[in-house]
C-alpha cells in the first residue's frame, strides 16, 4: 500500500468534494 501515493489523491478528492458541496449549496440555498 503506497500511502504516499494515495494520501495526496485523497486530500485532492476531499478538497474538490468540499468545494463542489460549497458551490452547489451556495447556489441551491435561497438568498445565497
PDB file of N, CA and C in Angstrom:
ATOM      1  N   UNK A   1       0.848  -1.200   0.000  1.00  0.00           N
ATOM      2  CA  UNK A   1       0.000   0.000   0.000  1.00  0.00           C
ATOM      3  C   UNK A   1       0.884   1.251   0.000  1.00  0.00           C
ATOM      4  N   UNK A   2       0.849   1.981  -1.088  1.00  0.00           N
ATOM      5  CA  UNK A   2       1.651   3.198  -1.157  1.00  0.00           C
ATOM      6  C   UNK A   2       0.847   4.365  -0.591  1.00  0.00           C
ATOM      7  N   UNK A   3       0.957   4.573   0.717  1.00  0.00           N
ATOM      8  CA  UNK A   3       0.204   5.652   1.367  1.00  0.00           C
ATOM      9  C   UNK A   3       0.669   7.002   0.851  1.00  0.00           C
ATOM     10  N   UNK A   4       1.935   7.097   0.473  1.00  0.00           N
ATOM     11  CA  UNK A   4       2.462   8.356  -0.046  1.00  0.00           C
ATOM     12  C   UNK A   4       1.847   8.725  -1.385  1.00  0.00           C
ATOM     13  N   UNK A   5       1.305   7.725  -2.076  1.00  0.00           N
ATOM     14  CA  UNK A   5       0.680   7.980  -3.377  1.00  0.00           C
ATOM     15  C   UNK A   5      -0.815   8.202  -3.220  1.00  0.00           C
ATOM     16  N   UNK A   6      -1.412   7.537  -2.236  1.00  0.00           N
ATOM     17  CA  UNK A   6      -2.861   7.610  -2.052  1.00  0.00           C
ATOM     18  C   UNK A   6      -3.266   8.832  -1.241  1.00  0.00           C
ATOM     19  N   UNK A   7      -2.433   9.210  -0.287  1.00  0.00           N
ATOM     20  CA  UNK A   7      -2.796  10.309   0.621  1.00  0.00           C
ATOM     21  C   UNK A   7      -3.028  11.628  -0.102  1.00  0.00           C
ATOM     22  N   UNK A   8      -2.116  12.072  -0.983  1.00  0.00           N
ATOM     23  CA  UNK A   8      -2.340  13.337  -1.707  1.00  0.00           C
ATOM     24  C   UNK A   8      -3.599  13.284  -2.557  1.00  0.00           C
ATOM     25  N   UNK A   9      -3.863  12.135  -3.172  1.00  0.00           N
ATOM     26  CA  UNK A   9      -5.065  11.993  -4.003  1.00  0.00           C
ATOM     27  C   UNK A   9      -6.307  12.111  -3.130  1.00  0.00           C
ATOM     28  N   UNK A  10      -6.276  11.500  -1.955  1.00  0.00           N
ATOM     29  CA  UNK A  10      -7.418  11.570  -1.044  1.00  0.00           C
ATOM     30  C   UNK A  10      -7.671  13.013  -0.630  1.00  0.00           C
ATOM     31  N   UNK A  11      -6.604  13.768  -0.384  1.00  0.00           N
ATOM     32  CA  UNK A  11      -6.750  15.176   0.011  1.00  0.00           C
ATOM     33  C   UNK A  11      -7.360  15.980  -1.133  1.00  0.00           C
ATOM     34  N   UNK A  12      -6.883  15.746  -2.354  1.00  0.00           N
ATOM     35  CA  UNK A  12      -7.405  16.473  -3.515  1.00  0.00           C
ATOM     36  C   UNK A  12      -8.878  16.135  -3.725  1.00  0.00           C
ATOM     37  N   UNK A  13      -9.224  14.858  -3.648  1.00  0.00           N
ATOM     38  CA  UNK A  13     -10.616  14.434  -3.828  1.00  0.00           C
ATOM     39  C   UNK A  13     -11.495  15.064  -2.760  1.00  0.00           C
ATOM     40  N   UNK A  14     -11.026  15.069  -1.515  1.00  0.00           N
ATOM     41  CA  UNK A  14     -11.804  15.657  -0.425  1.00  0.00           C
ATOM     42  C   UNK A  14     -11.979  17.155  -0.648  1.00  0.00           C
ATOM     43  N   UNK A  15     -10.920  17.831  -1.078  1.00  0.00           N
ATOM     44  CA  UNK A  15     -10.995  19.273  -1.310  1.00  0.00           C
ATOM     45  C   UNK A  15     -11.976  19.585  -2.435  1.00  0.00           C
ATOM     46  N   UNK A  16     -11.905  18.826  -3.521  1.00  0.00           N
ATOM     47  CA  UNK A  16     -12.818  19.041  -4.648  1.00  0.00           C
ATOM     48  C   UNK A  16     -14.256  18.767  -4.223  1.00  0.00           C
ATOM     49  N   UNK A  17     -14.456  17.714  -3.430  1.00  0.00           N
ATOM     50  CA  UNK A  17     -15.800  17.376  -2.970  1.00  0.00           C
ATOM     51  C   UNK A  17     -16.357  18.491  -2.092  1.00  0.00           C
ATOM     52  N   UNK A  18     -15.535  19.021  -1.182  1.00  0.00           N
ATOM     53  CA  UNK A  18     -15.990  20.101  -0.307  1.00  0.00           C
ATOM     54  C   UNK A  18     -16.297  21.350  -1.114  1.00  0.00           C
ATOM     55  N   UNK A  19     -15.447  21.665  -2.094  1.00  0.00           N
ATOM     56  CA  UNK A  19     -15.689  22.835  -2.942  1.00  0.00           C
ATOM     57  C   UNK A  19     -16.984  22.661  -3.718  1.00  0.00           C
ATOM     58  N   UNK A  20     -17.210  21.457  -4.243  1.00  0.00           N
ATOM     59  CA  UNK A  20     -18.436  21.194  -5.005  1.00  0.00           C
ATOM     60  C   UNK A  20     -19.656  21.350  -4.109  1.00  0.00           C
ATOM     61  N   UNK A  21     -19.596  20.778  -2.904  1.00  0.00           N
ATOM     62  CA  UNK A  21     -20.727  20.897  -1.983  1.00  0.00           C
ATOM     63  C   UNK A  21     -20.954  22.354  -1.605  1.00  0.00           C
ATOM     64  N   UNK A  22     -19.868  23.105  -1.420  1.00  0.00           N
ATOM     65  CA  UNK A  22     -19.982  24.513  -1.035  1.00  0.00           C
ATOM     66  C   UNK A  22     -20.620  25.326  -2.151  1.00  0.00           C
ATOM     67  N   UNK A  23     -20.170  25.096  -3.394  1.00  0.00           N
ATOM     68  CA  UNK A  23     -20.703  25.846  -4.541  1.00  0.00           C
ATOM     69  C   UNK A  23     -22.155  25.456  -4.786  1.00  0.00           C
ATOM     70  N   UNK A  24     -22.440  24.161  -4.821  1.00  0.00           N
ATOM     71  CA  UNK A  24     -23.809  23.688  -5.064  1.00  0.00           C
ATOM     72  C   UNK A  24     -24.727  24.174  -3.946  1.00  0.00           C
ATOM     73  N   UNK A  25     -24.262  24.083  -2.706  1.00  0.00           N
ATOM     74  CA  UNK A  25     -25.063  24.546  -1.573  1.00  0.00           C
ATOM     75  C   UNK A  25     -25.311  26.038  -1.663  1.00  0.00           C
ATOM     76  N   UNK A  26     -24.307  26.785  -2.113  1.00  0.00           N
ATOM     77  CA  UNK A  26     -24.450  28.229  -2.240  1.00  0.00           C
ATOM     78  C   UNK A  26     -25.477  28.591  -3.296  1.00  0.00           C
ATOM     79  N   UNK A  27     -25.485  27.825  -4.386  1.00  0.00           N
ATOM     80  CA  UNK A  27     -26.438  28.113  -5.459  1.00  0.00           C
ATOM     81  C   UNK A  27     -27.826  27.587  -5.106  1.00  0.00           C
ATOM     82  N   UNK A  28     -27.886  26.503  -4.347  1.00  0.00           N
ATOM     83  CA  UNK A  28     -29.165  25.858  -4.069  1.00  0.00           C
ATOM     84  C   UNK A  28     -29.943  26.613  -2.989  1.00  0.00           C
ATOM     85  N   UNK A  29     -29.242  27.172  -2.018  1.00  0.00           N
ATOM     86  CA  UNK A  29     -29.926  27.845  -0.918  1.00  0.00           C
ATOM     87  C   UNK A  29     -30.482  29.188  -1.372  1.00  0.00           C
ATOM     88  N   UNK A  30     -31.735  29.471  -1.053  1.00  0.00           N
ATOM     89  CA  UNK A  30     -32.332  30.760  -1.418  1.00  0.00           C
ATOM     90  C   UNK A  30     -31.654  31.910  -0.684  1.00  0.00           C
ATOM     91  N   UNK A  31     -31.340  32.964  -1.394  1.00  0.00           N
ATOM     92  CA  UNK A  31     -30.694  34.110  -0.778  1.00  0.00           C
ATOM     93  C   UNK A  31     -29.187  33.979  -0.737  1.00  0.00           C
ATOM     94  N   UNK A  32     -28.634  32.924  -1.356  1.00  0.00           N
ATOM     95  CA  UNK A  32     -27.193  32.755  -1.421  1.00  0.00           C
ATOM     96  C   UNK A  32     -26.616  32.300  -0.107  1.00  0.00           C
TER      97      UNK A  32
END
